[in-house]
Protein backbone atom coordinates (compact mmCIF):
# COMPACT_ATOMS: atom_id res chain seq x y z
CA MET A 1 83.74 58.40 9.37
CA LYS A 2 82.65 61.99 9.84
CA ILE A 3 79.02 62.79 10.65
CA LEU A 4 77.34 65.98 9.45
CA ASN A 5 74.90 66.53 12.29
CA TYR A 6 72.98 69.79 11.90
CA PRO A 7 69.28 70.71 12.22
CA ARG A 8 66.89 70.08 9.33
CA CYS A 9 67.14 72.36 6.29
CA THR A 10 70.59 73.75 7.15
CA GLY A 11 72.53 72.45 4.13
CA LYS A 12 73.72 68.97 5.16
CA THR A 13 72.93 67.42 1.79
CA THR A 14 74.41 70.37 -0.08
CA GLU A 15 77.60 70.00 1.95
CA LEU A 16 77.58 66.24 1.31
CA ILE A 17 77.34 66.83 -2.45
CA LYS A 18 80.38 69.13 -2.23
CA LEU A 19 82.40 66.65 -0.16
CA ALA A 20 81.44 63.72 -2.41
CA GLY A 21 82.23 65.70 -5.55
CA GLU A 22 85.60 66.88 -4.29
CA GLY A 23 86.51 63.40 -2.99
CA GLY A 24 85.14 61.43 -5.93
CA TYR A 25 82.79 59.45 -3.68
CA PRO A 26 79.34 58.13 -4.65
CA ILE A 27 76.37 58.91 -2.41
CA ILE A 28 74.07 56.18 -1.10
CA VAL A 29 70.42 57.07 -0.34
CA SER A 30 67.46 55.06 0.96
CA THR A 31 64.96 55.16 -1.93
CA ILE A 32 64.62 55.85 -5.64
CA GLN A 33 62.63 59.01 -4.80
CA LYS A 34 65.53 60.29 -2.68
CA LYS A 35 67.94 59.34 -5.48
CA ASN A 36 65.97 61.32 -8.07
CA LYS A 37 65.69 64.37 -5.79
CA LEU A 38 69.42 64.26 -5.00
CA LYS A 39 70.30 63.94 -8.69
CA GLU A 40 68.28 67.11 -9.35
CA GLN A 41 70.29 68.92 -6.65
CA ILE A 42 73.54 67.67 -8.15
CA LEU A 43 72.57 68.93 -11.62
CA VAL A 44 72.50 72.53 -10.36
CA SER A 45 75.77 72.11 -8.46
CA PRO A 46 79.27 72.35 -9.95
CA TYR A 47 79.94 68.69 -8.98
CA SER A 48 79.62 65.35 -10.72
CA VAL A 49 78.50 62.70 -8.22
CA GLU A 50 77.07 59.21 -8.72
CA VAL A 51 74.02 58.34 -6.61
CA PHE A 52 72.76 54.85 -5.72
CA THR A 53 69.95 53.52 -3.57
CA ALA A 54 70.77 51.18 -0.69
CA GLN A 55 69.35 48.26 -2.67
CA GLU A 56 71.41 49.14 -5.77
CA PHE A 57 74.47 49.31 -3.55
CA ILE A 58 73.78 45.97 -1.84
CA HIS A 59 72.97 44.07 -5.04
CA GLY A 60 75.39 45.83 -7.42
CA LEU A 61 72.60 47.20 -9.62
CA ASN A 62 72.76 50.14 -12.08
CA GLY A 63 76.55 50.30 -12.07
CA ALA A 64 76.93 50.11 -8.29
CA LYS A 65 80.15 48.10 -8.31
CA PHE A 66 82.74 49.08 -5.73
CA ALA A 67 86.24 47.93 -4.82
CA PRO A 68 86.54 46.47 -1.30
CA ASP A 69 88.44 49.56 -0.16
CA ALA A 70 86.05 52.06 -1.75
CA LYS A 71 84.74 55.01 0.25
CA VAL A 72 81.14 56.21 0.03
CA CYS A 73 78.97 58.98 1.43
CA ILE A 74 75.52 58.33 2.88
CA ASP A 75 72.67 60.83 2.92
CA ASP A 76 70.19 60.33 5.79
CA MET A 77 72.12 57.47 7.37
CA ASP A 78 69.21 56.32 9.54
CA GLU A 79 66.97 55.77 6.50
CA VAL A 80 69.71 53.93 4.57
CA LEU A 81 70.45 51.66 7.52
CA GLN A 82 66.76 50.87 7.89
CA GLN A 83 66.60 49.93 4.18
CA ILE A 84 69.62 47.67 4.53
CA ILE A 85 68.46 45.74 7.60
CA GLY A 86 64.76 45.82 6.72
CA PHE A 87 63.47 46.79 10.15
CA GLU A 88 62.51 50.02 11.86
CA ILE A 89 65.33 51.14 14.14
CA GLU A 90 64.18 52.08 17.62
CA TYR A 91 67.58 52.96 19.13
CA ALA A 92 71.17 53.06 17.88
CA THR A 93 74.55 54.22 19.13
CA CYS A 94 77.38 55.86 17.28
CA THR A 95 80.87 56.92 18.26
CA ILE A 96 82.01 60.09 16.57
CA PRO A 97 85.81 60.37 16.44
CA GLU A 98 87.25 63.60 17.76
CA THR A 99 88.35 66.01 15.06
CA LYS A 100 91.96 67.10 15.27
């Protein structure tokens, strides 16, 4: 897993759209509002990317069916994780592998 960790409004989502489009990966977001906003961004990009909410992903709704070895991208990981577990996250850890 690679983490795009930049300040707000510096193009993380735009870069994620590019990476997802080039890799053929769907993007998972936290809410339907985020999904609709992201789909608008994708429409003006040169990429074709599927977008699903966390709940669609979990329950296989709206075509969100994935093979066990599928790869996905996540936009605003903290919000998606909170949607999945159903609780506000106070602290979390993450190990970022070194890039070679």
